[in-house]
């Protein structure tokens, strides 16, 4: 069981490499089967890893040392509740996206399936790695795969958005290297646990350089997370992507959020000495600004896909603001919200094309929107199948479900997430009287209420335009294989609502371990122990 934690990296690597050896056109069905099977296996493995992490009293279940080299000299993978949660969220979203793509989108270009697995390898590695250098390696791997996936399907709009996306992320990679270099020059290590142990003892004359490196590193991940004012590239890129790619991209911004959550509490938590709380106020301010910008964007969006892109910004901004408040209860509520909003937005990106498909009479193959793709027609796509029974009713029901989750309205999980987050932010025992926490909590309350209201207005307008404003629209022809992934993600959101108690308990336990990282540091840095496993390397 100890070796199971490396499988989320090795399995997609082997699956992707194996599919590259096959001829794309002749063996497309075989590659699709391999992709689905590997992704389904990742879901099962992630569930087992999540149960393992939750069964541990400290939340640290395994430290996998490649080559059996001890930290900080060797490469380590660390499994705790947070990394296990992100693995499961990624695999669930990936399964829905890849099943949806089988209807037609996986035939829109070459190498969709291997690129998809390499993307999962990069994401899973980023969530599991225990040092900054390998975080950079996995960061670059997932970015390289995302470049190809964003361009999948070709078209002028995708190429234009793809070029912007590549340039922006190359700049983020450069910032990443500069920040890591400065941190290594001061601390002499890149292992996260070792850094956390050394930072309190950094000399005063070197602390400014350390914090400068941390600030530059944070800029790289905040750019990826989509924090204002570094987010102008995101709505256009996500709207231009094909529906399954846009859906899996909903987790891409959460990589930046994950790293900020991990490093801010591990390196600059209460035990960081003079650097404790470094950058937290900026995170709070930036998160609130991102929510405001995303909310205005949802109101201004006349295109349903762009509405989804701006909703991603609201989601990222909410979690970033919660991280900046540095409160255990707020962090637990933010984790619940992160899962709920990511699933809801992922389902919404898949739903967009199905809704837009029949807006013009006889237009069965309309792409995500004319605003995104211009007047170009789809490149040789074949019919997607016969219309299922009560197509418009199911699409309408799914649209309402997505709107409730994204806007944070009852009775689905989005409301419970915001309620838990705001309750903790305004709880007297969590606030320092007269401090920034009090003002931050009330500011978060106002901004979240207004963002939910703006999202509701935007969703109502999009729903009226899609379902009521065109009485002569054709009924879209939708396959069960396209509708099933959307309903699958919404059912998980409903299950998260029904099981809110156990889910919130897990989130709060995760938050507790993040705010008290002593167990994490001790388990990673111990030179021997039951959790050590020998591996030959990758």
Protein backbone atom coordinates (compact mmCIF):
# COMPACT_ATOMS: atom_id res chain seq x y z
CA UNK A 1 0.00 0.00 0.00
CA UNK A 2 2.93 2.36 0.61
CA UNK A 3 3.95 2.18 -3.04
CA UNK A 4 0.43 3.11 -4.13
CA UNK A 5 1.07 6.83 -3.67
CA UNK A 6 3.47 6.96 -6.63
CA UNK A 7 0.97 5.32 -8.99
CA UNK A 8 -0.89 8.62 -9.76
CA UNK A 9 2.34 9.81 -11.41
CA UNK A 10 3.61 6.57 -12.95
CA UNK A 11 0.28 5.36 -14.38
CA UNK A 12 -0.47 8.41 -16.59
CA UNK A 13 3.21 8.50 -17.61
CA UNK A 14 3.07 4.92 -18.87
CA UNK A 15 -0.37 5.36 -20.42
CA UNK A 16 0.61 8.54 -22.24
CA UNK A 17 3.93 7.13 -23.46
CA UNK A 18 2.27 3.94 -24.65
CA UNK A 19 -0.37 5.84 -26.61
CA UNK A 20 2.32 7.88 -28.38
CA UNK A 21 3.54 4.64 -29.94
CA UNK A 22 0.17 4.06 -31.60
CA UNK A 23 -1.02 5.55 -34.86
CA UNK A 24 -3.45 8.34 -33.99
CA UNK A 25 -5.99 7.66 -36.73
CA UNK A 26 -5.91 3.87 -36.90
CA UNK A 27 -5.88 3.23 -33.17
CA UNK A 28 -7.98 6.14 -31.89
CA UNK A 29 -10.54 3.83 -30.26
CA UNK A 30 -7.78 1.88 -28.51
CA UNK A 31 -6.26 5.11 -27.19
CA UNK A 32 -9.69 6.25 -26.00
CA UNK A 33 -10.16 2.99 -24.12
CA UNK A 34 -6.70 3.28 -22.54
CA UNK A 35 -7.37 6.90 -21.54
CA UNK A 36 -10.70 6.08 -19.92
CA UNK A 37 -9.32 2.98 -18.17
CA UNK A 38 -6.28 4.84 -16.81
CA UNK A 39 -8.41 7.75 -15.60
CA UNK A 40 -10.92 5.43 -13.95
CA UNK A 41 -8.03 3.64 -12.24
CA UNK A 42 -6.78 7.01 -10.99
CA UNK A 43 -10.20 7.67 -9.44
CA UNK A 44 -10.10 4.35 -7.58
CA UNK A 45 -6.51 4.91 -6.43
CA UNK A 46 -7.32 8.44 -5.27
CA UNK A 47 -10.24 7.14 -3.19
CA UNK A 48 -7.95 4.60 -1.50
CA UNK A 49 -5.31 7.27 -0.83
CA UNK A 50 -7.93 9.61 0.60
CA UNK A 51 -9.14 6.92 3.00
CA UNK A 52 -5.53 6.21 3.98
CA UNK A 53 -4.82 9.87 4.73
CA UNK A 54 -8.02 10.31 6.71
CA UNK A 55 -7.29 7.19 8.78
CA UNK A 56 -4.02 8.70 9.97
CA UNK A 57 -4.22 10.64 13.22
CA UNK A 58 -1.85 13.34 11.97
CA UNK A 59 -3.02 13.31 8.35
CA UNK A 60 0.47 12.32 7.14
CA UNK A 61 0.27 8.71 6.00
CA UNK A 62 3.18 8.20 3.62
CA UNK A 63 6.49 9.82 2.73
CA UNK A 64 7.83 8.14 -0.42
CA UNK A 65 11.59 8.59 -0.88
CA UNK A 66 12.75 7.85 -4.42
CA UNK A 67 15.98 5.86 -4.31
CA UNK A 68 15.55 5.73 -0.52
CA UNK A 69 17.51 8.98 -0.20
CA UNK A 70 16.45 10.86 2.93
CA UNK A 71 15.12 14.39 2.80
CA UNK A 72 16.31 17.00 2.09
CA UNK A 73 18.84 15.30 -0.24
CA UNK A 74 16.45 13.07 -2.16
CA UNK A 75 13.16 13.46 -4.00
CA UNK A 76 10.18 12.91 -1.72
CA UNK A 77 6.47 12.53 -2.37
CA UNK A 78 4.26 13.39 0.57
CA UNK A 79 0.67 12.23 0.98
CA UNK A 80 -1.54 14.10 3.43
CA UNK A 81 -5.22 14.99 3.48
CA UNK A 82 -4.80 18.02 1.22
CA UNK A 83 -2.81 16.25 -1.49
CA UNK A 84 -5.18 13.25 -1.38
CA UNK A 85 -8.17 15.59 -1.73
CA UNK A 86 -6.66 17.31 -4.77
CA UNK A 87 -5.82 13.96 -6.36
CA UNK A 88 -9.41 12.79 -6.03
CA UNK A 89 -10.86 16.08 -7.29
CA UNK A 90 -8.54 16.01 -10.32
CA UNK A 91 -9.33 12.41 -11.22
CA UNK A 92 -13.10 12.90 -10.91
CA UNK A 93 -13.04 15.97 -13.14
CA UNK A 94 -10.73 14.19 -15.59
CA UNK A 95 -13.04 11.18 -15.83
CA UNK A 96 -16.02 13.38 -16.67
CA UNK A 97 -14.01 15.33 -19.26
CA UNK A 98 -12.58 12.30 -21.05
CA UNK A 99 -15.95 10.51 -21.23
CA UNK A 100 -17.54 13.67 -22.65
CA UNK A 101 -14.80 13.91 -25.28
CA UNK A 102 -15.62 10.46 -26.66
CA UNK A 103 -18.75 11.79 -28.37
CA UNK A 104 -16.70 13.75 -30.89
CA UNK A 105 -14.11 16.14 -29.45
CA UNK A 106 -11.30 13.59 -29.15
CA UNK A 107 -11.40 13.30 -32.97
CA UNK A 108 -10.89 17.05 -33.49
CA UNK A 109 -7.09 16.82 -33.44
CA UNK A 110 -4.07 14.63 -32.93
CA UNK A 111 -2.65 13.31 -29.64
CA UNK A 112 -5.58 14.34 -27.44
CA UNK A 113 -5.40 11.19 -25.32
CA UNK A 114 -1.64 11.12 -24.56
CA UNK A 115 -1.64 14.86 -23.85
CA UNK A 116 -4.54 14.35 -21.47
CA UNK A 117 -2.61 11.71 -19.52
CA UNK A 118 0.55 13.82 -19.41
CA UNK A 119 -1.53 16.68 -18.03
CA UNK A 120 -2.81 14.37 -15.27
CA UNK A 121 0.76 13.28 -14.55
CA UNK A 122 1.84 16.90 -14.09
CA UNK A 123 -1.14 17.75 -11.91
CA UNK A 124 -0.77 14.70 -9.68
CA UNK A 125 2.97 15.22 -9.33
CA UNK A 126 2.48 18.86 -8.35
CA UNK A 127 0.07 17.82 -5.61
CA UNK A 128 2.34 15.08 -4.25
CA UNK A 129 5.85 16.51 -4.47
CA UNK A 130 7.60 17.67 -1.32
CA UNK A 131 10.22 20.03 -2.81
CA UNK A 132 10.17 23.17 -4.93
CA UNK A 133 12.47 21.93 -7.68
CA UNK A 134 10.27 18.97 -8.56
CA UNK A 135 7.27 21.23 -8.23
CA UNK A 136 8.82 23.25 -11.06
CA UNK A 137 9.36 20.06 -13.10
CA UNK A 138 5.74 18.95 -12.77
CA UNK A 139 4.57 22.53 -13.28
CA UNK A 140 6.37 22.63 -16.64
CA UNK A 141 5.07 19.20 -17.59
CA UNK A 142 1.43 20.11 -17.04
CA UNK A 143 1.94 23.42 -18.84
CA UNK A 144 3.49 21.71 -21.89
CA UNK A 145 0.54 19.33 -22.09
CA UNK A 146 -1.94 22.17 -21.61
CA UNK A 147 -0.45 24.08 -24.57
CA UNK A 148 -1.34 21.21 -26.89
CA UNK A 149 -4.75 20.66 -25.32
CA UNK A 150 -5.72 24.33 -25.62
CA UNK A 151 -4.90 24.23 -29.34
CA UNK A 152 -6.79 20.95 -29.79
CA UNK A 153 -9.38 21.40 -32.52
CA UNK A 154 -7.44 24.23 -34.21
CA UNK A 155 -9.28 27.35 -35.38
CA UNK A 156 -8.26 31.02 -35.36
CA UNK A 157 -9.68 31.80 -31.91
CA UNK A 158 -7.90 28.87 -30.27
CA UNK A 159 -4.58 29.74 -31.89
CA UNK A 160 -4.89 33.37 -30.77
CA UNK A 161 -5.82 32.43 -27.23
CA UNK A 162 -3.16 29.71 -27.21
CA UNK A 163 -0.38 32.14 -28.12
CA UNK A 164 -1.40 34.45 -25.27
CA UNK A 165 -1.59 31.48 -22.93
CA UNK A 166 1.89 30.25 -23.87
CA UNK A 167 3.51 33.68 -23.44
CA UNK A 168 1.85 34.28 -20.07
CA UNK A 169 2.85 30.89 -18.70
CA UNK A 170 6.42 31.19 -19.98
CA UNK A 171 6.64 34.42 -18.00
CA UNK A 172 5.28 32.56 -14.97
CA UNK A 173 7.94 29.87 -15.41
CA UNK A 174 10.67 32.51 -15.51
CA UNK A 175 9.36 34.07 -12.30
CA UNK A 176 9.24 30.60 -10.76
CA UNK A 177 12.94 30.00 -11.51
CA UNK A 178 14.00 33.43 -10.22
CA UNK A 179 12.05 33.00 -6.99
CA UNK A 180 13.35 29.47 -6.38
CA UNK A 181 16.93 30.60 -7.06
CA UNK A 182 16.70 33.40 -4.50
CA UNK A 183 15.19 31.09 -1.88
CA UNK A 184 17.87 28.45 -2.45
CA UNK A 185 20.62 31.05 -2.28
CA UNK A 186 19.45 32.13 1.16
CA UNK A 187 18.19 28.90 2.73
CA UNK A 188 20.39 26.32 0.98
CA UNK A 189 17.52 23.88 0.41
CA UNK A 190 14.39 23.49 -1.68
CA UNK A 191 12.71 20.75 0.33
CA UNK A 192 9.50 22.28 1.68
CA UNK A 193 9.73 20.71 5.14
CA UNK A 194 13.42 21.59 5.44
CA UNK A 195 12.67 25.15 4.39
CA UNK A 196 10.00 25.40 7.07
CA UNK A 197 12.53 24.24 9.66
CA UNK A 198 15.23 26.69 8.52
CA UNK A 199 13.24 29.89 7.89
CA UNK A 200 12.84 30.85 11.58
CA UNK A 201 16.64 30.86 11.92
CA UNK A 202 17.43 32.90 8.80
CA UNK A 203 19.70 35.83 9.64
CA UNK A 204 18.04 39.23 9.70
CA UNK A 205 20.29 40.58 6.93
CA UNK A 206 19.20 37.73 4.62
CA UNK A 207 15.50 37.78 5.44
CA UNK A 208 14.71 40.52 2.93
CA UNK A 209 16.21 38.45 0.10
CA UNK A 210 14.27 35.39 1.26
CA UNK A 211 11.00 37.29 1.28
CA UNK A 212 11.78 38.81 -2.12
CA UNK A 213 12.27 35.31 -3.52
CA UNK A 214 9.04 34.14 -1.90
CA UNK A 215 7.19 37.14 -3.35
CA UNK A 216 8.47 36.47 -6.87
CA UNK A 217 7.59 32.78 -6.51
CA UNK A 218 4.10 33.77 -5.32
CA UNK A 219 3.63 35.95 -8.40
CA UNK A 220 4.21 32.91 -10.63
CA UNK A 221 1.50 30.90 -8.90
CA UNK A 222 -0.89 33.81 -8.47
CA UNK A 223 -0.66 34.36 -12.22
CA UNK A 224 -1.63 30.72 -12.71
CA UNK A 225 -4.38 31.02 -10.09
CA UNK A 226 -5.80 34.02 -11.93
CA UNK A 227 -5.55 36.65 -9.21
CA UNK A 228 -6.28 40.22 -10.29
CA UNK A 229 -4.52 42.00 -11.99
CA UNK A 230 -2.74 38.93 -13.42
CA UNK A 231 -5.89 37.29 -14.76
CA UNK A 232 -6.81 39.04 -18.00
CA UNK A 233 -5.63 36.10 -20.11
CA UNK A 234 -7.82 33.49 -18.42
CA UNK A 235 -11.43 34.11 -19.59
CA UNK A 236 -10.44 34.25 -23.26
CA UNK A 237 -8.27 31.11 -23.03
CA UNK A 238 -10.85 29.03 -21.18
CA UNK A 239 -13.68 30.15 -23.46
CA UNK A 240 -11.68 29.25 -26.57
CA UNK A 241 -10.80 25.75 -25.41
CA UNK A 242 -12.91 22.77 -26.41
CA UNK A 243 -15.49 21.78 -23.73
CA UNK A 244 -13.61 18.78 -22.25
CA UNK A 245 -10.36 20.76 -22.16
CA UNK A 246 -12.05 23.77 -20.52
CA UNK A 247 -13.58 21.42 -17.96
CA UNK A 248 -10.25 19.90 -16.89
CA UNK A 249 -8.70 23.39 -16.97
CA UNK A 250 -11.03 24.26 -14.09
CA UNK A 251 -8.56 22.39 -11.85
CA UNK A 252 -5.53 24.09 -13.43
CA UNK A 253 -6.09 27.37 -11.60
CA UNK A 254 -6.37 25.38 -8.38
CA UNK A 255 -2.73 24.31 -8.77
CA UNK A 256 -1.71 27.88 -8.04
CA UNK A 257 -4.22 28.07 -5.20
CA UNK A 258 -2.94 24.78 -3.78
CA UNK A 259 0.67 25.95 -3.80
CA UNK A 260 -0.24 29.24 -2.13
CA UNK A 261 -2.19 27.39 0.56
CA UNK A 262 0.58 24.86 1.12
CA UNK A 263 3.54 27.24 1.19
CA UNK A 264 1.94 30.18 2.98
CA UNK A 265 1.01 28.05 6.00
CA UNK A 266 4.06 25.77 5.91
CA UNK A 267 6.79 28.37 5.33
CA UNK A 268 5.20 31.54 6.71
CA UNK A 269 2.83 30.24 9.36
CA UNK A 270 2.90 31.15 13.03
CA UNK A 271 6.22 29.33 13.56
CA UNK A 272 8.14 31.27 10.89
CA UNK A 273 9.60 33.79 13.33
CA UNK A 274 9.97 37.29 11.93
CA UNK A 275 8.48 36.18 8.59
CA UNK A 276 5.24 34.84 10.11
CA UNK A 277 2.21 35.97 8.12
CA UNK A 278 4.33 37.25 5.23
CA UNK A 279 2.08 38.32 2.34
CA UNK A 280 -1.21 37.31 4.00
CA UNK A 281 -2.74 40.79 3.84
CA UNK A 282 -1.84 41.02 0.15
CA UNK A 283 -3.47 37.66 -0.47
CA UNK A 284 -6.65 38.85 1.24
CA UNK A 285 -6.71 42.10 -0.71
CA UNK A 286 -5.87 40.39 -4.00
CA UNK A 287 -8.51 37.70 -3.44
CA UNK A 288 -11.21 40.28 -2.75
CA UNK A 289 -10.18 42.27 -5.84
CA UNK A 290 -10.32 39.11 -7.95
CA UNK A 291 -13.85 38.34 -6.74
CA UNK A 292 -14.96 41.87 -7.67
CA UNK A 293 -13.32 41.68 -11.10
CA UNK A 294 -14.76 38.24 -11.79
CA UNK A 295 -18.23 39.35 -10.71
CA UNK A 296 -18.13 42.35 -13.03
CA UNK A 297 -16.95 40.06 -15.79
CA UNK A 298 -19.89 37.69 -15.31
CA UNK A 299 -22.30 40.64 -15.58
CA UNK A 300 -20.58 41.90 -18.73
CA UNK A 301 -20.34 38.50 -20.46
CA UNK A 302 -22.68 38.04 -23.40
CA UNK A 303 -21.20 34.63 -24.11
CA UNK A 304 -21.91 31.60 -21.94
CA UNK A 305 -18.37 30.23 -22.19
CA UNK A 306 -16.85 33.53 -21.07
CA UNK A 307 -19.30 33.50 -18.17
CA UNK A 308 -17.69 30.23 -17.10
CA UNK A 309 -14.22 31.75 -17.41
CA UNK A 310 -15.08 34.66 -15.13
CA UNK A 311 -16.69 32.24 -12.68
CA UNK A 312 -13.30 30.53 -12.41
CA UNK A 313 -11.85 33.88 -11.29
CA UNK A 314 -14.52 34.28 -8.61
CA UNK A 315 -13.75 30.77 -7.35
CA UNK A 316 -10.00 31.38 -7.20
CA UNK A 317 -10.42 34.79 -5.60
CA UNK A 318 -12.64 33.38 -2.87
CA UNK A 319 -10.12 30.71 -1.84
CA UNK A 320 -7.18 33.14 -2.04
CA UNK A 321 -8.97 35.64 0.20
CA UNK A 322 -9.70 32.83 2.67
CA UNK A 323 -6.02 31.83 2.71
CA UNK A 324 -5.08 35.42 3.47
CA UNK A 325 -7.25 35.43 6.59
CA UNK A 326 -5.10 32.68 8.17
CA UNK A 327 -7.93 31.16 10.21
CA UNK A 328 -8.48 27.43 10.61
CA UNK A 329 -12.25 27.56 10.26
CA UNK A 330 -12.04 29.81 7.19
CA UNK A 331 -9.53 27.46 5.57
CA UNK A 332 -11.83 24.48 6.17
CA UNK A 333 -14.78 26.30 4.61
CA UNK A 334 -12.57 27.40 1.70
CA UNK A 335 -11.56 23.79 0.98
CA UNK A 336 -15.22 22.77 0.93
CA UNK A 337 -15.91 25.67 -1.44
CA UNK A 338 -12.92 24.77 -3.63
CA UNK A 339 -14.28 21.28 -4.28
CA UNK A 340 -17.86 22.45 -4.85
CA UNK A 341 -17.03 25.35 -7.17
CA UNK A 342 -14.52 23.34 -9.23
CA UNK A 343 -17.03 20.55 -9.85
CA UNK A 344 -19.80 23.04 -10.67
CA UNK A 345 -17.66 25.03 -13.10
CA UNK A 346 -16.35 21.85 -14.72
CA UNK A 347 -19.91 20.67 -15.30
CA UNK A 348 -20.86 24.10 -16.65
CA UNK A 349 -18.10 24.08 -19.28
CA UNK A 350 -19.33 20.70 -20.52
CA UNK A 351 -22.91 21.91 -20.56
CA UNK A 352 -22.20 25.07 -22.54
CA UNK A 353 -21.78 23.34 -25.88
CA UNK A 354 -24.90 21.21 -25.43
CA UNK A 355 -26.99 24.31 -24.72
CA UNK A 356 -25.55 26.33 -27.60
CA UNK A 357 -25.89 23.47 -30.07
CA UNK A 358 -29.51 24.14 -30.98
CA UNK A 359 -29.81 27.91 -30.62
CA UNK A 360 -30.24 28.37 -34.36
CA UNK A 361 -32.72 26.23 -36.31
CA UNK A 362 -30.90 23.35 -37.96
CA UNK A 363 -27.56 24.19 -36.34
CA UNK A 364 -26.76 20.87 -34.69
CA UNK A 365 -23.03 21.46 -34.70
CA UNK A 366 -22.68 25.03 -33.42
CA UNK A 367 -19.47 25.37 -31.44
CA UNK A 368 -19.29 26.77 -27.95
CA UNK A 369 -20.29 30.26 -29.15
CA UNK A 370 -20.00 32.55 -32.15
CA UNK A 371 -18.32 35.15 -30.00
CA UNK A 372 -15.51 32.71 -29.22
CA UNK A 373 -15.13 30.99 -32.58
CA UNK A 374 -16.32 33.72 -34.96
CA UNK A 375 -18.19 32.49 -38.03
CA UNK A 376 -15.99 29.46 -38.63
CA UNK A 377 -17.71 26.11 -38.92
CA UNK A 378 -16.49 22.99 -37.14
CA UNK A 379 -13.84 21.13 -39.03
CA UNK A 380 -15.46 18.04 -40.47
CA UNK A 381 -17.25 16.89 -37.33
CA UNK A 382 -19.81 14.18 -37.80
CA UNK A 383 -23.27 14.01 -36.25
CA UNK A 384 -23.24 13.47 -32.52
CA UNK A 385 -26.23 11.11 -32.35
CA UNK A 386 -29.94 11.23 -31.89
CA UNK A 387 -31.67 13.46 -29.39
CA UNK A 388 -32.32 11.77 -26.07
CA UNK A 389 -35.75 11.84 -24.47
CA UNK A 390 -36.66 15.18 -22.84
CA UNK A 391 -33.40 16.76 -24.01
CA UNK A 392 -34.37 20.35 -23.25
CA UNK A 393 -35.73 19.39 -19.85
CA UNK A 394 -32.50 17.65 -18.85
CA UNK A 395 -30.40 20.50 -20.17
CA UNK A 396 -32.52 22.99 -18.25
CA UNK A 397 -32.28 20.96 -15.06
CA UNK A 398 -28.51 20.68 -15.40
CA UNK A 399 -28.23 24.41 -16.10
CA UNK A 400 -30.18 25.23 -12.93
CA UNK A 401 -27.97 22.87 -10.93
CA UNK A 402 -24.79 24.50 -12.23
CA UNK A 403 -26.18 27.97 -11.54
CA UNK A 404 -27.07 27.07 -7.94
CA UNK A 405 -23.64 25.59 -7.24
CA UNK A 406 -21.64 28.41 -8.86
CA UNK A 407 -23.75 31.23 -7.39
CA UNK A 408 -23.76 29.59 -3.96
CA UNK A 409 -27.53 29.31 -3.55
CA UNK A 410 -29.45 26.69 -1.55
CA UNK A 411 -29.99 23.81 -1.49
CA UNK A 412 -26.76 22.60 -3.15
CA UNK A 413 -23.19 22.52 -1.90
CA UNK A 414 -22.24 26.03 -3.04
CA UNK A 415 -24.51 27.57 -0.39
CA UNK A 416 -23.16 25.32 2.39
CA UNK A 417 -19.59 26.19 1.35
CA UNK A 418 -20.15 29.95 1.51
CA UNK A 419 -22.14 29.66 4.73
CA UNK A 420 -19.36 27.67 6.42
CA UNK A 421 -16.70 30.05 5.15
CA UNK A 422 -18.47 33.20 6.29
CA UNK A 423 -19.53 31.72 9.63
CA UNK A 424 -15.88 31.01 10.44
CA UNK A 425 -14.72 34.40 9.14
CA UNK A 426 -17.14 36.24 11.42
CA UNK A 427 -16.85 33.93 14.44
CA UNK A 428 -15.66 35.88 17.51
CA UNK A 429 -13.18 33.19 18.60
CA UNK A 430 -11.50 33.30 15.19
CA UNK A 431 -10.99 37.07 15.05
CA UNK A 432 -8.43 39.30 16.68
CA UNK A 433 -10.41 42.24 18.14
CA UNK A 434 -9.67 45.42 16.28
CA UNK A 435 -7.33 43.61 13.92
CA UNK A 436 -7.35 43.11 10.18
CA UNK A 437 -9.30 39.87 10.59
CA UNK A 438 -12.44 41.73 11.63
CA UNK A 439 -12.39 44.10 8.66
CA UNK A 440 -11.40 41.28 6.32
CA UNK A 441 -14.27 39.08 7.48
CA UNK A 442 -16.87 41.76 6.89
CA UNK A 443 -15.33 42.70 3.54
CA UNK A 444 -15.44 39.05 2.50
CA UNK A 445 -19.10 38.85 3.56
CA UNK A 446 -20.08 41.85 1.44
CA UNK A 447 -18.06 40.78 -1.60
CA UNK A 448 -19.33 37.18 -1.55
CA UNK A 449 -22.96 38.26 -1.27
CA UNK A 450 -22.58 40.70 -4.16
CA UNK A 451 -20.67 38.15 -6.27
CA UNK A 452 -23.40 35.55 -5.70
CA UNK A 453 -26.03 38.10 -6.72
CA UNK A 454 -24.12 39.09 -9.86
CA UNK A 455 -23.61 35.43 -10.80
CA UNK A 456 -27.32 34.78 -10.31
CA UNK A 457 -28.22 37.69 -12.62
CA UNK A 458 -25.74 36.53 -15.26
CA UNK A 459 -26.98 32.93 -15.09
CA UNK A 460 -30.62 34.02 -15.31
CA UNK A 461 -29.85 36.12 -18.38
CA UNK A 462 -27.92 33.26 -20.00
CA UNK A 463 -30.73 30.81 -19.21
CA UNK A 464 -33.43 33.06 -20.64
CA UNK A 465 -31.40 33.62 -23.79
CA UNK A 466 -30.66 29.92 -24.20
CA UNK A 467 -34.02 28.34 -23.32
CA UNK A 468 -36.76 30.95 -23.71
CA UNK A 469 -35.68 33.71 -26.08
CA UNK A 470 -35.64 31.47 -29.19
CA UNK A 471 -38.93 29.60 -29.37
CA UNK A 472 -38.12 28.34 -32.88
CA UNK A 473 -34.75 26.89 -31.92
CA UNK A 474 -33.99 23.31 -32.88
CA UNK A 475 -33.85 20.64 -30.20
CA UNK A 476 -30.14 19.79 -29.90
CA UNK A 477 -29.11 16.24 -30.65
CA UNK A 478 -27.37 15.05 -27.50
CA UNK A 479 -25.90 11.67 -26.69
CA UNK A 480 -26.20 10.01 -23.31
CA UNK A 481 -22.39 9.89 -23.21
CA UNK A 482 -22.40 13.70 -23.31
CA UNK A 483 -25.13 14.24 -20.74
CA UNK A 484 -23.90 11.60 -18.27
CA UNK A 485 -20.64 13.41 -17.28
CA UNK A 486 -22.53 16.63 -16.54
CA UNK A 487 -25.05 14.85 -14.34
CA UNK A 488 -22.23 12.86 -12.72
CA UNK A 489 -20.49 16.03 -11.52
CA UNK A 490 -23.76 17.57 -10.32
CA UNK A 491 -24.68 14.38 -8.45
CA UNK A 492 -21.35 14.60 -6.63
CA UNK A 493 -22.21 18.19 -5.65
CA UNK A 494 -25.57 16.93 -4.38
CA UNK A 495 -23.82 14.15 -2.45
CA UNK A 496 -21.49 16.74 -0.97
CA UNK A 497 -24.61 18.54 0.27
CA UNK A 498 -26.26 15.45 1.74
CA UNK A 499 -23.02 14.36 3.42
CA UNK A 500 -22.04 17.87 4.46
CA UNK A 501 -21.23 16.79 8.02
CA UNK A 502 -18.60 14.12 7.24
CA UNK A 503 -17.20 16.17 4.35
CA UNK A 504 -16.85 19.28 6.51
CA UNK A 505 -15.21 17.22 9.26
CA UNK A 506 -12.59 16.08 6.76
CA UNK A 507 -12.06 19.64 5.52
CA UNK A 508 -11.64 20.98 9.05
CA UNK A 509 -9.18 18.19 9.91
CA UNK A 510 -7.24 19.10 6.77
CA UNK A 511 -7.22 22.77 7.78
CA UNK A 512 -6.04 21.89 11.29
CA UNK A 513 -3.07 19.94 9.94
CA UNK A 514 -2.17 22.75 7.53
CA UNK A 515 -2.17 25.37 10.27
CA UNK A 516 -0.09 23.11 12.56
CA UNK A 517 2.58 21.73 10.19
CA UNK A 518 4.91 20.30 12.86
CA UNK A 519 3.84 16.72 12.09
CA UNK A 520 4.39 17.31 8.36
CA UNK A 521 7.92 18.63 8.97
CA UNK A 522 8.84 15.85 11.38
CA UNK A 523 7.54 13.02 9.18
CA UNK A 524 9.32 14.28 6.06
CA UNK A 525 12.67 14.98 7.71
CA UNK A 526 12.99 11.82 9.77
CA UNK A 527 15.88 9.76 8.43
CA UNK A 528 14.25 6.37 8.97
CA UNK A 529 10.85 5.03 9.67
CA UNK A 530 8.10 2.71 8.73
CA UNK A 531 6.89 4.90 5.90
CA UNK A 532 10.17 4.79 3.94
CA UNK A 533 10.06 2.75 0.73
CA UNK A 534 12.87 2.17 -1.72
CA UNK A 535 12.36 3.00 -5.39
CA UNK A 536 14.71 2.78 -8.30
CA UNK A 537 13.68 6.16 -9.67
CA UNK A 538 11.68 7.47 -12.59
